[in-house]
Amino acid sequence: MMPLTELVLASHNAGKLKELQAMLGAHVRVRSIGEFSSVEPEETGLSFVENAILKARNAARISGLPALADDSGLAVDALGGAPGIYSARYADGRGDAANNAKLLETLKDVPDAERGAQFVCVLALLRHADDPLPILCEGLWRGSILHAPRGEQGFGYDPLFWVAERQCSSAELEAAEKNRISHRARAMALLKQRLGI
């Protein structure tokens, strides 16, 4: 594979852009799809893998650059893996606070022992829009769901995600620590290995 010096991230999420740029380091300049288009492709896939490829293909086509897409979400055991691929729009697109409130309400009668969950991240890297062989890397991060939000860091469901090995929520972790142990960090470590960086 050609050396990768620049790529477009198929996301308008500033938190995700910052995390992925920090993980990739100075070797690769990560640009936001927002520089090229404000239109989000419809996520019509039924899995994290399908949606990641769909988003990366769209970003590569619009930008003309190699494209990286991250499809990630929270899979809660007691909810059969929901909200899953619908994590970002769990509360009908009303944002993180509404998503968290809906999750807490849904789980209000679920005992601690059954509140297991995992963050899932699938990264898809396409060298060009018609790339027939996307590089796919997956990362999983086990935890459980708290009864109330804790912490100010991160984004999404971080305030509700209890990290047992650190005895804190994901939103209480320093950014550098989260970038070492999260689902996204695990997927990115695999991607860097595949790219040789």
N, C-alpha and C. Protein backbone atom coordinates (compact mmCIF):
# COMPACT_ATOMS: atom_id res chain seq x y z
N MET A 1 0.85 -1.20 0.00
CA MET A 1 0.00 0.00 0.00
C MET A 1 0.88 1.25 0.00
N MET A 2 0.42 2.24 -0.75
CA MET A 2 1.18 3.50 -0.81
C MET A 2 1.22 4.14 0.56
N PRO A 3 2.30 4.90 0.84
CA PRO A 3 2.36 5.58 2.13
C PRO A 3 1.20 6.56 2.26
N LEU A 4 0.62 6.58 3.42
CA LEU A 4 -0.56 7.42 3.65
C LEU A 4 -0.11 8.68 4.38
N THR A 5 -0.26 9.84 3.75
CA THR A 5 0.15 11.08 4.41
C THR A 5 -1.05 11.95 4.75
N GLU A 6 -2.15 11.70 4.05
CA GLU A 6 -3.35 12.51 4.26
C GLU A 6 -4.57 11.65 4.00
N LEU A 7 -5.59 11.83 4.81
CA LEU A 7 -6.84 11.14 4.54
C LEU A 7 -7.99 11.99 5.03
N VAL A 8 -9.17 11.64 4.56
CA VAL A 8 -10.37 12.36 5.00
C VAL A 8 -11.14 11.45 5.95
N LEU A 9 -11.58 12.01 7.05
CA LEU A 9 -12.40 11.27 8.01
C LEU A 9 -13.86 11.50 7.66
N ALA A 10 -14.58 10.41 7.47
CA ALA A 10 -15.99 10.49 7.08
C ALA A 10 -16.86 10.77 8.30
N SER A 11 -16.63 11.93 8.92
CA SER A 11 -17.42 12.31 10.09
C SER A 11 -17.37 13.82 10.27
N HIS A 12 -18.48 14.38 10.74
CA HIS A 12 -18.51 15.80 11.12
C HIS A 12 -18.30 15.95 12.63
N ASN A 13 -18.07 14.83 13.33
CA ASN A 13 -17.94 14.82 14.79
C ASN A 13 -16.54 15.31 15.20
N ALA A 14 -16.48 16.50 15.78
CA ALA A 14 -15.19 17.10 16.14
C ALA A 14 -14.44 16.26 17.18
N GLY A 15 -15.19 15.64 18.10
CA GLY A 15 -14.57 14.79 19.13
C GLY A 15 -13.88 13.59 18.52
N LYS A 16 -14.53 12.98 17.56
CA LYS A 16 -13.99 11.81 16.86
C LYS A 16 -12.75 12.20 16.06
N LEU A 17 -12.82 13.35 15.36
CA LEU A 17 -11.70 13.84 14.56
C LEU A 17 -10.47 14.05 15.45
N LYS A 18 -10.68 14.68 16.58
CA LYS A 18 -9.59 14.97 17.52
C LYS A 18 -8.97 13.67 18.05
N GLU A 19 -9.83 12.72 18.44
CA GLU A 19 -9.34 11.44 18.96
C GLU A 19 -8.52 10.68 17.91
N LEU A 20 -9.06 10.60 16.69
CA LEU A 20 -8.38 9.82 15.65
C LEU A 20 -7.08 10.50 15.21
N GLN A 21 -7.06 11.82 15.14
CA GLN A 21 -5.82 12.52 14.78
C GLN A 21 -4.76 12.28 15.85
N ALA A 22 -5.16 12.32 17.12
CA ALA A 22 -4.22 12.05 18.22
C ALA A 22 -3.66 10.63 18.13
N MET A 23 -4.50 9.68 17.76
CA MET A 23 -4.07 8.28 17.67
C MET A 23 -3.15 8.04 16.47
N LEU A 24 -3.44 8.70 15.35
CA LEU A 24 -2.61 8.51 14.16
C LEU A 24 -1.30 9.27 14.25
N GLY A 25 -1.29 10.33 15.06
CA GLY A 25 -0.06 11.09 15.24
C GLY A 25 0.24 11.99 14.05
N ALA A 26 1.48 12.48 14.00
CA ALA A 26 1.86 13.49 13.02
C ALA A 26 2.10 12.92 11.63
N HIS A 27 2.21 11.58 11.50
CA HIS A 27 2.51 10.98 10.19
C HIS A 27 1.41 11.28 9.18
N VAL A 28 0.17 11.32 9.65
CA VAL A 28 -0.97 11.40 8.73
C VAL A 28 -1.83 12.61 9.10
N ARG A 29 -2.09 13.45 8.12
CA ARG A 29 -2.99 14.59 8.35
C ARG A 29 -4.42 14.11 8.14
N VAL A 30 -5.24 14.28 9.15
CA VAL A 30 -6.64 13.86 9.07
C VAL A 30 -7.50 15.10 8.83
N ARG A 31 -8.23 15.07 7.72
CA ARG A 31 -9.12 16.18 7.38
C ARG A 31 -10.57 15.73 7.58
N SER A 32 -11.42 16.65 7.92
CA SER A 32 -12.83 16.33 8.12
C SER A 32 -13.57 16.38 6.80
N ILE A 33 -14.53 15.50 6.63
CA ILE A 33 -15.39 15.53 5.45
C ILE A 33 -16.13 16.87 5.38
N GLY A 34 -16.26 17.53 6.52
CA GLY A 34 -16.91 18.84 6.58
C GLY A 34 -16.23 19.89 5.70
N GLU A 35 -14.92 19.69 5.41
CA GLU A 35 -14.20 20.61 4.51
C GLU A 35 -14.71 20.48 3.07
N PHE A 36 -15.32 19.35 2.75
CA PHE A 36 -15.72 19.06 1.38
C PHE A 36 -17.24 19.07 1.17
N SER A 37 -17.97 18.72 2.21
CA SER A 37 -19.43 18.62 2.08
C SER A 37 -20.08 18.63 3.46
N SER A 38 -21.27 19.20 3.54
CA SER A 38 -21.99 19.19 4.82
C SER A 38 -23.06 18.09 4.83
N VAL A 39 -23.16 17.37 3.71
CA VAL A 39 -24.20 16.34 3.60
C VAL A 39 -23.69 15.02 4.18
N GLU A 40 -24.48 14.43 5.06
CA GLU A 40 -24.15 13.12 5.64
C GLU A 40 -24.80 12.04 4.78
N PRO A 41 -24.06 10.99 4.42
CA PRO A 41 -24.72 9.91 3.67
C PRO A 41 -25.71 9.18 4.58
N GLU A 42 -26.73 8.62 3.99
CA GLU A 42 -27.69 7.86 4.78
C GLU A 42 -27.05 6.55 5.19
N GLU A 43 -27.10 6.24 6.47
CA GLU A 43 -26.51 5.00 6.97
C GLU A 43 -27.54 3.89 6.85
N THR A 44 -27.56 3.25 5.70
CA THR A 44 -28.59 2.26 5.40
C THR A 44 -28.14 0.84 5.74
N GLY A 45 -26.89 0.67 6.15
CA GLY A 45 -26.39 -0.66 6.49
C GLY A 45 -27.05 -1.20 7.76
N LEU A 46 -26.98 -2.51 7.93
CA LEU A 46 -27.56 -3.14 9.12
C LEU A 46 -26.47 -3.58 10.09
N SER A 47 -25.23 -3.17 9.83
CA SER A 47 -24.14 -3.51 10.75
C SER A 47 -23.14 -2.36 10.77
N PHE A 48 -22.28 -2.37 11.79
CA PHE A 48 -21.21 -1.37 11.88
C PHE A 48 -20.32 -1.44 10.63
N VAL A 49 -20.01 -2.66 10.16
CA VAL A 49 -19.13 -2.85 9.00
C VAL A 49 -19.74 -2.21 7.75
N GLU A 50 -21.01 -2.51 7.49
CA GLU A 50 -21.66 -1.96 6.29
C GLU A 50 -21.69 -0.43 6.33
N ASN A 51 -22.04 0.14 7.47
CA ASN A 51 -22.12 1.59 7.56
C ASN A 51 -20.75 2.25 7.45
N ALA A 52 -19.71 1.63 8.01
CA ALA A 52 -18.36 2.19 7.91
C ALA A 52 -17.91 2.23 6.45
N ILE A 53 -18.15 1.15 5.71
CA ILE A 53 -17.75 1.11 4.29
C ILE A 53 -18.54 2.14 3.49
N LEU A 54 -19.84 2.21 3.74
CA LEU A 54 -20.70 3.16 3.04
C LEU A 54 -20.20 4.60 3.25
N LYS A 55 -19.87 4.95 4.50
CA LYS A 55 -19.42 6.31 4.81
C LYS A 55 -18.04 6.59 4.20
N ALA A 56 -17.14 5.61 4.26
CA ALA A 56 -15.79 5.80 3.71
C ALA A 56 -15.85 5.96 2.19
N ARG A 57 -16.67 5.15 1.53
CA ARG A 57 -16.79 5.22 0.07
C ARG A 57 -17.32 6.61 -0.35
N ASN A 58 -18.32 7.08 0.37
CA ASN A 58 -18.89 8.40 0.10
C ASN A 58 -17.84 9.50 0.29
N ALA A 59 -17.09 9.44 1.37
CA ALA A 59 -16.07 10.46 1.67
C ALA A 59 -14.95 10.45 0.64
N ALA A 60 -14.53 9.26 0.20
CA ALA A 60 -13.48 9.16 -0.82
C ALA A 60 -13.96 9.75 -2.14
N ARG A 61 -15.22 9.48 -2.48
CA ARG A 61 -15.79 9.98 -3.73
C ARG A 61 -15.86 11.51 -3.70
N ILE A 62 -16.31 12.08 -2.60
CA ILE A 62 -16.48 13.54 -2.49
C ILE A 62 -15.13 14.26 -2.45
N SER A 63 -14.16 13.70 -1.71
CA SER A 63 -12.90 14.41 -1.45
C SER A 63 -11.79 14.09 -2.44
N GLY A 64 -11.86 12.89 -3.07
CA GLY A 64 -10.76 12.45 -3.92
C GLY A 64 -9.55 11.95 -3.12
N LEU A 65 -9.70 11.85 -1.81
CA LEU A 65 -8.61 11.39 -0.93
C LEU A 65 -8.92 9.98 -0.41
N PRO A 66 -7.89 9.27 0.08
CA PRO A 66 -8.18 8.05 0.83
C PRO A 66 -9.10 8.44 2.00
N ALA A 67 -10.01 7.55 2.35
CA ALA A 67 -11.00 7.91 3.37
C ALA A 67 -11.05 6.89 4.49
N LEU A 68 -11.19 7.40 5.71
CA LEU A 68 -11.34 6.57 6.89
C LEU A 68 -12.71 6.86 7.49
N ALA A 69 -13.46 5.80 7.73
CA ALA A 69 -14.75 5.97 8.40
C ALA A 69 -14.73 5.15 9.67
N ASP A 70 -15.38 5.68 10.67
CA ASP A 70 -15.49 5.02 11.96
C ASP A 70 -16.98 4.84 12.19
N ASP A 71 -17.43 3.62 12.27
CA ASP A 71 -18.81 3.42 12.69
C ASP A 71 -18.73 2.77 14.06
N SER A 72 -19.27 3.45 15.03
CA SER A 72 -19.14 2.95 16.39
C SER A 72 -20.42 3.19 17.16
N GLY A 73 -20.53 2.50 18.25
CA GLY A 73 -21.72 2.67 19.06
C GLY A 73 -21.64 1.83 20.32
N LEU A 74 -22.72 1.85 21.04
CA LEU A 74 -22.82 1.15 22.31
C LEU A 74 -23.78 -0.02 22.16
N ALA A 75 -23.34 -1.20 22.55
CA ALA A 75 -24.19 -2.39 22.50
C ALA A 75 -24.44 -2.85 23.93
N VAL A 76 -25.68 -2.76 24.38
CA VAL A 76 -26.04 -3.09 25.76
C VAL A 76 -26.61 -4.51 25.79
N ASP A 77 -26.02 -5.36 26.64
CA ASP A 77 -26.41 -6.77 26.71
C ASP A 77 -27.91 -6.95 26.96
N ALA A 78 -28.43 -6.23 27.96
CA ALA A 78 -29.85 -6.40 28.35
C ALA A 78 -30.81 -5.94 27.26
N LEU A 79 -30.31 -5.18 26.28
CA LEU A 79 -31.16 -4.67 25.19
C LEU A 79 -30.87 -5.41 23.89
N GLY A 80 -30.25 -6.59 23.99
CA GLY A 80 -29.97 -7.38 22.80
C GLY A 80 -29.02 -6.69 21.83
N GLY A 81 -28.12 -5.86 22.38
CA GLY A 81 -27.15 -5.16 21.53
C GLY A 81 -27.57 -3.76 21.11
N ALA A 82 -28.77 -3.34 21.48
CA ALA A 82 -29.20 -1.96 21.19
C ALA A 82 -28.48 -1.01 22.16
N PRO A 83 -28.37 0.26 21.84
CA PRO A 83 -28.79 0.92 20.60
C PRO A 83 -27.95 0.57 19.37
N GLY A 84 -26.76 -0.02 19.55
CA GLY A 84 -25.99 -0.53 18.43
C GLY A 84 -25.72 0.50 17.35
N ILE A 85 -26.04 0.14 16.09
CA ILE A 85 -25.75 1.05 14.98
C ILE A 85 -26.60 2.32 15.04
N TYR A 86 -27.62 2.32 15.90
CA TYR A 86 -28.47 3.51 16.04
C TYR A 86 -28.07 4.38 17.24
N SER A 87 -26.89 4.13 17.80
CA SER A 87 -26.46 4.83 19.03
C SER A 87 -26.54 6.35 18.92
N ALA A 88 -26.05 6.91 17.84
CA ALA A 88 -26.02 8.38 17.71
C ALA A 88 -27.42 8.97 17.56
N ARG A 89 -28.34 8.18 17.05
CA ARG A 89 -29.70 8.70 16.84
C ARG A 89 -30.73 7.92 17.66
N TYR A 90 -30.31 7.42 18.80
CA TYR A 90 -31.16 6.62 19.68
C TYR A 90 -32.39 7.41 20.13
N ALA A 91 -32.19 8.69 20.43
CA ALA A 91 -33.31 9.55 20.87
C ALA A 91 -33.73 10.47 19.71
N ASP A 92 -33.87 9.86 18.53
CA ASP A 92 -34.36 10.58 17.34
C ASP A 92 -33.52 11.81 16.98
N GLY A 93 -32.19 11.68 17.11
CA GLY A 93 -31.30 12.74 16.67
C GLY A 93 -31.27 13.98 17.54
N ARG A 94 -31.69 13.85 18.80
CA ARG A 94 -31.73 15.03 19.69
C ARG A 94 -30.44 15.23 20.49
N GLY A 95 -29.41 14.43 20.20
CA GLY A 95 -28.11 14.67 20.82
C GLY A 95 -27.77 13.75 21.98
N ASP A 96 -26.53 13.94 22.47
CA ASP A 96 -25.96 13.06 23.49
C ASP A 96 -26.79 13.01 24.78
N ALA A 97 -27.20 14.18 25.29
CA ALA A 97 -27.92 14.22 26.57
C ALA A 97 -29.24 13.45 26.46
N ALA A 98 -29.94 13.61 25.34
CA ALA A 98 -31.21 12.91 25.13
C ALA A 98 -30.98 11.41 24.98
N ASN A 99 -29.91 11.03 24.27
CA ASN A 99 -29.58 9.60 24.13
C ASN A 99 -29.30 8.97 25.50
N ASN A 100 -28.52 9.68 26.31
CA ASN A 100 -28.18 9.17 27.64
C ASN A 100 -29.42 9.05 28.52
N ALA A 101 -30.29 10.06 28.46
CA ALA A 101 -31.52 10.05 29.26
C ALA A 101 -32.41 8.88 28.85
N LYS A 102 -32.52 8.63 27.55
CA LYS A 102 -33.35 7.53 27.06
C LYS A 102 -32.78 6.18 27.51
N LEU A 103 -31.45 6.04 27.45
CA LEU A 103 -30.83 4.79 27.87
C LEU A 103 -31.06 4.54 29.36
N LEU A 104 -30.89 5.57 30.18
CA LEU A 104 -31.11 5.43 31.62
C LEU A 104 -32.56 5.03 31.92
N GLU A 105 -33.48 5.65 31.22
CA GLU A 105 -34.91 5.35 31.41
C GLU A 105 -35.20 3.90 31.00
N THR A 106 -34.63 3.47 29.87
CA THR A 106 -34.86 2.11 29.38
C THR A 106 -34.31 1.06 30.34
N LEU A 107 -33.20 1.41 31.01
CA LEU A 107 -32.53 0.44 31.90
C LEU A 107 -32.89 0.63 33.37
N LYS A 108 -33.86 1.49 33.67
CA LYS A 108 -34.09 1.86 35.08
C LYS A 108 -34.39 0.68 36.00
N ASP A 109 -35.02 -0.38 35.50
CA ASP A 109 -35.34 -1.54 36.35
C ASP A 109 -34.35 -2.70 36.18
N VAL A 110 -33.27 -2.47 35.44
CA VAL A 110 -32.29 -3.54 35.19
C VAL A 110 -31.24 -3.53 36.30
N PRO A 111 -31.07 -4.68 37.00
CA PRO A 111 -30.10 -4.72 38.10
C PRO A 111 -28.66 -4.61 37.60
N ASP A 112 -27.76 -4.20 38.51
CA ASP A 112 -26.34 -3.99 38.17
C ASP A 112 -25.73 -5.17 37.44
N ALA A 113 -26.03 -6.38 37.89
CA ALA A 113 -25.41 -7.58 37.32
C ALA A 113 -25.77 -7.78 35.85
N GLU A 114 -26.84 -7.14 35.41
CA GLU A 114 -27.29 -7.32 34.02
C GLU A 114 -27.09 -6.06 33.17
N ARG A 115 -26.23 -5.14 33.64
CA ARG A 115 -26.04 -3.88 32.93
C ARG A 115 -24.76 -3.86 32.09
N GLY A 116 -24.28 -5.06 31.74
CA GLY A 116 -23.08 -5.17 30.92
C GLY A 116 -23.30 -4.54 29.54
N ALA A 117 -22.21 -4.02 28.97
CA ALA A 117 -22.29 -3.38 27.67
C ALA A 117 -20.90 -3.36 27.05
N GLN A 118 -20.86 -3.07 25.77
CA GLN A 118 -19.56 -2.83 25.15
C GLN A 118 -19.68 -1.74 24.11
N PHE A 119 -18.62 -0.93 24.05
CA PHE A 119 -18.48 -0.01 22.95
C PHE A 119 -17.86 -0.79 21.80
N VAL A 120 -18.37 -0.55 20.60
CA VAL A 120 -17.90 -1.22 19.39
C VAL A 120 -17.40 -0.15 18.43
N CYS A 121 -16.26 -0.40 17.78
CA CYS A 121 -15.77 0.50 16.74
C CYS A 121 -15.31 -0.33 15.55
N VAL A 122 -15.79 0.01 14.38
CA VAL A 122 -15.28 -0.57 13.15
C VAL A 122 -14.70 0.58 12.32
N LEU A 123 -13.43 0.46 11.98
CA LEU A 123 -12.78 1.42 11.10
C LEU A 123 -12.70 0.81 9.70
N ALA A 124 -13.06 1.60 8.70
CA ALA A 124 -12.93 1.17 7.31
C ALA A 124 -12.06 2.19 6.59
N LEU A 125 -10.98 1.73 5.99
CA LEU A 125 -10.10 2.60 5.22
C LEU A 125 -10.17 2.20 3.75
N LEU A 126 -10.53 3.16 2.91
CA LEU A 126 -10.56 2.94 1.47
C LEU A 126 -9.50 3.82 0.82
N ARG A 127 -8.68 3.23 -0.03
CA ARG A 127 -7.63 3.98 -0.71
C ARG A 127 -8.22 4.93 -1.75
N HIS A 128 -9.37 4.55 -2.33
CA HIS A 128 -10.08 5.39 -3.31
C HIS A 128 -11.55 4.93 -3.31
N ALA A 129 -12.41 5.71 -3.96
CA ALA A 129 -13.86 5.48 -3.88
C ALA A 129 -14.30 4.10 -4.35
N ASP A 130 -13.56 3.52 -5.31
CA ASP A 130 -13.98 2.22 -5.86
C ASP A 130 -13.12 1.07 -5.31
N ASP A 131 -12.42 1.31 -4.23
CA ASP A 131 -11.54 0.30 -3.62
C ASP A 131 -12.33 -0.98 -3.33
N PRO A 132 -11.96 -2.11 -3.98
CA PRO A 132 -12.70 -3.35 -3.76
C PRO A 132 -12.27 -4.09 -2.49
N LEU A 133 -11.20 -3.61 -1.85
CA LEU A 133 -10.67 -4.31 -0.68
C LEU A 133 -10.43 -3.33 0.47
N PRO A 134 -11.51 -2.85 1.09
CA PRO A 134 -11.32 -1.93 2.22
C PRO A 134 -10.57 -2.63 3.35
N ILE A 135 -9.78 -1.86 4.07
CA ILE A 135 -9.14 -2.39 5.28
C ILE A 135 -10.14 -2.19 6.41
N LEU A 136 -10.49 -3.29 7.09
CA LEU A 136 -11.47 -3.23 8.19
C LEU A 136 -10.80 -3.65 9.49
N CYS A 137 -10.97 -2.84 10.52
CA CYS A 137 -10.41 -3.15 11.84
C CYS A 137 -11.49 -2.91 12.89
N GLU A 138 -11.60 -3.84 13.84
CA GLU A 138 -12.64 -3.76 14.86
C GLU A 138 -12.02 -3.66 16.25
N GLY A 139 -12.66 -2.87 17.11
CA GLY A 139 -12.24 -2.78 18.50
C GLY A 139 -13.45 -2.88 19.41
N LEU A 140 -13.33 -3.64 20.49
CA LEU A 140 -14.41 -3.79 21.47
C LEU A 140 -13.88 -3.36 22.83
N TRP A 141 -14.75 -2.72 23.63
CA TRP A 141 -14.36 -2.25 24.97
C TRP A 141 -15.51 -2.59 25.92
N ARG A 142 -15.27 -3.57 26.79
CA ARG A 142 -16.31 -4.03 27.73
C ARG A 142 -16.44 -3.09 28.93
N GLY A 143 -17.65 -2.96 29.41
CA GLY A 143 -17.91 -2.16 30.60
C GLY A 143 -19.33 -2.44 31.07
N SER A 144 -19.90 -1.50 31.80
CA SER A 144 -21.30 -1.62 32.20
C SER A 144 -21.90 -0.22 32.28
N ILE A 145 -23.22 -0.20 32.39
CA ILE A 145 -23.93 1.08 32.35
C ILE A 145 -24.28 1.54 33.77
N LEU A 146 -23.85 2.76 34.09
CA LEU A 146 -24.13 3.35 35.40
C LEU A 146 -25.61 3.75 35.51
N HIS A 147 -26.03 4.15 36.72
CA HIS A 147 -27.41 4.60 36.95
C HIS A 147 -27.55 6.11 36.77
N ALA A 148 -26.41 6.81 36.69
CA ALA A 148 -26.43 8.27 36.49
C ALA A 148 -25.11 8.67 35.85
N PRO A 149 -25.11 9.76 35.08
CA PRO A 149 -23.87 10.19 34.41
C PRO A 149 -22.79 10.61 35.40
N ARG A 150 -21.54 10.35 35.03
CA ARG A 150 -20.38 10.78 35.82
C ARG A 150 -19.29 11.26 34.89
N GLY A 151 -18.69 12.41 35.22
CA GLY A 151 -17.53 12.90 34.46
C GLY A 151 -17.88 13.91 33.39
N GLU A 152 -16.86 14.65 32.98
CA GLU A 152 -17.04 15.75 32.02
C GLU A 152 -16.28 15.55 30.72
N GLN A 153 -15.43 14.51 30.64
CA GLN A 153 -14.61 14.30 29.43
C GLN A 153 -15.41 13.54 28.39
N GLY A 154 -14.81 13.41 27.20
CA GLY A 154 -15.39 12.54 26.18
C GLY A 154 -16.66 13.09 25.58
N PHE A 155 -17.43 12.17 24.99
CA PHE A 155 -18.68 12.55 24.32
C PHE A 155 -19.55 11.30 24.24
N GLY A 156 -20.75 11.45 23.69
CA GLY A 156 -21.63 10.30 23.52
C GLY A 156 -22.03 9.69 24.86
N TYR A 157 -21.89 8.38 24.96
CA TYR A 157 -22.32 7.64 26.16
C TYR A 157 -21.22 7.55 27.21
N ASP A 158 -20.10 8.25 27.01
CA ASP A 158 -18.98 8.16 27.96
C ASP A 158 -19.38 8.37 29.43
N PRO A 159 -20.28 9.32 29.75
CA PRO A 159 -20.62 9.54 31.17
C PRO A 159 -21.36 8.36 31.82
N LEU A 160 -21.92 7.47 31.00
CA LEU A 160 -22.69 6.34 31.55
C LEU A 160 -21.90 5.02 31.52
N PHE A 161 -20.72 5.03 30.89
CA PHE A 161 -19.98 3.78 30.66
C PHE A 161 -18.94 3.58 31.75
N TRP A 162 -19.19 2.57 32.60
CA TRP A 162 -18.30 2.27 33.74
C TRP A 162 -17.16 1.38 33.28
N VAL A 163 -15.93 1.82 33.54
CA VAL A 163 -14.72 1.08 33.16
C VAL A 163 -14.18 0.45 34.44
N ALA A 164 -14.50 -0.83 34.63
CA ALA A 164 -14.18 -1.50 35.90
C ALA A 164 -12.68 -1.48 36.23
N GLU A 165 -11.83 -1.70 35.21
CA GLU A 165 -10.39 -1.77 35.50
C GLU A 165 -9.79 -0.43 35.90
N ARG A 166 -10.53 0.67 35.65
CA ARG A 166 -10.05 2.00 36.09
C ARG A 166 -10.92 2.55 37.22
N GLN A 167 -12.01 1.86 37.55
CA GLN A 167 -12.93 2.29 38.62
C GLN A 167 -13.43 3.72 38.41
N CYS A 168 -13.81 4.01 37.17
CA CYS A 168 -14.38 5.32 36.86
C CYS A 168 -15.18 5.18 35.56
N SER A 169 -15.91 6.25 35.24
CA SER A 169 -16.62 6.24 33.96
C SER A 169 -15.65 6.63 32.85
N SER A 170 -16.03 6.34 31.62
CA SER A 170 -15.21 6.72 30.48
C SER A 170 -15.04 8.24 30.44
N ALA A 171 -16.05 8.98 30.89
CA ALA A 171 -15.99 10.44 30.89
C ALA A 171 -15.13 11.01 32.01
N GLU A 172 -14.63 10.13 32.90
CA GLU A 172 -13.71 10.59 33.96
C GLU A 172 -12.26 10.29 33.60
N LEU A 173 -12.04 9.62 32.49
CA LEU A 173 -10.68 9.32 32.05
C LEU A 173 -10.07 10.54 31.37
N GLU A 174 -8.77 10.72 31.55
CA GLU A 174 -8.06 11.74 30.78
C GLU A 174 -8.10 11.31 29.32
N ALA A 175 -8.11 12.27 28.41
CA ALA A 175 -8.20 11.96 26.97
C ALA A 175 -7.09 11.01 26.53
N ALA A 176 -5.87 11.24 27.01
CA ALA A 176 -4.74 10.40 26.60
C ALA A 176 -4.93 8.96 27.06
N GLU A 177 -5.50 8.78 28.25
CA GLU A 177 -5.75 7.43 28.78
C GLU A 177 -6.85 6.75 27.97
N LYS A 178 -7.93 7.48 27.70
CA LYS A 178 -9.02 6.92 26.89
C LYS A 178 -8.48 6.51 25.52
N ASN A 179 -7.62 7.35 24.94
CA ASN A 179 -7.06 7.07 23.61
C ASN A 179 -6.12 5.86 23.61
N ARG A 180 -5.80 5.35 24.79
CA ARG A 180 -4.97 4.13 24.88
C ARG A 180 -5.81 2.87 25.04
N ILE A 181 -7.00 2.98 25.67
CA ILE A 181 -7.73 1.76 26.05
C ILE A 181 -9.12 1.59 25.43
N SER A 182 -9.61 2.61 24.73
CA SER A 182 -10.99 2.55 24.22
C SER A 182 -11.14 1.60 23.03
N HIS A 183 -12.38 1.37 22.66
CA HIS A 183 -12.72 0.58 21.47
C HIS A 183 -12.07 1.18 20.22
N ARG A 184 -12.09 2.52 20.13
CA ARG A 184 -11.49 3.21 18.98
C ARG A 184 -9.98 3.02 18.99
N ALA A 185 -9.37 3.09 20.18
CA ALA A 185 -7.92 2.87 20.30
C ALA A 185 -7.55 1.47 19.86
N ARG A 186 -8.36 0.49 20.22
CA ARG A 186 -8.07 -0.91 19.87
C ARG A 186 -8.17 -1.12 18.35
N ALA A 187 -9.22 -0.54 17.75
CA ALA A 187 -9.36 -0.64 16.29
C ALA A 187 -8.23 0.09 15.59
N MET A 188 -7.85 1.26 16.12
CA MET A 188 -6.79 2.05 15.51
C MET A 188 -5.43 1.35 15.61
N ALA A 189 -5.18 0.68 16.73
CA ALA A 189 -3.92 -0.06 16.89
C ALA A 189 -3.80 -1.12 15.80
N LEU A 190 -4.90 -1.80 15.50
CA LEU A 190 -4.90 -2.80 14.42
C LEU A 190 -4.67 -2.14 13.06
N LEU A 191 -5.30 -0.99 12.85
CA LEU A 191 -5.15 -0.30 11.57
C LEU A 191 -3.70 0.17 11.37
N LYS A 192 -3.11 0.72 12.42
CA LYS A 192 -1.72 1.18 12.32
C LYS A 192 -0.78 0.02 12.02
N GLN A 193 -1.08 -1.11 12.63
CA GLN A 193 -0.30 -2.34 12.36
C GLN A 193 -0.40 -2.72 10.88
N ARG A 194 -1.64 -2.69 10.36
CA ARG A 194 -1.86 -3.03 8.94
C ARG A 194 -1.16 -2.04 8.00
N LEU A 195 -1.11 -0.77 8.41
CA LEU A 195 -0.51 0.27 7.56
C LEU A 195 1.00 0.38 7.77
N GLY A 196 1.49 -0.28 8.83
CA GLY A 196 2.92 -0.19 9.14
C GLY A 196 3.35 1.17 9.65
N ILE A 197 2.46 1.84 10.42
CA ILE A 197 2.85 3.15 10.99
C ILE A 197 2.80 3.12 12.51
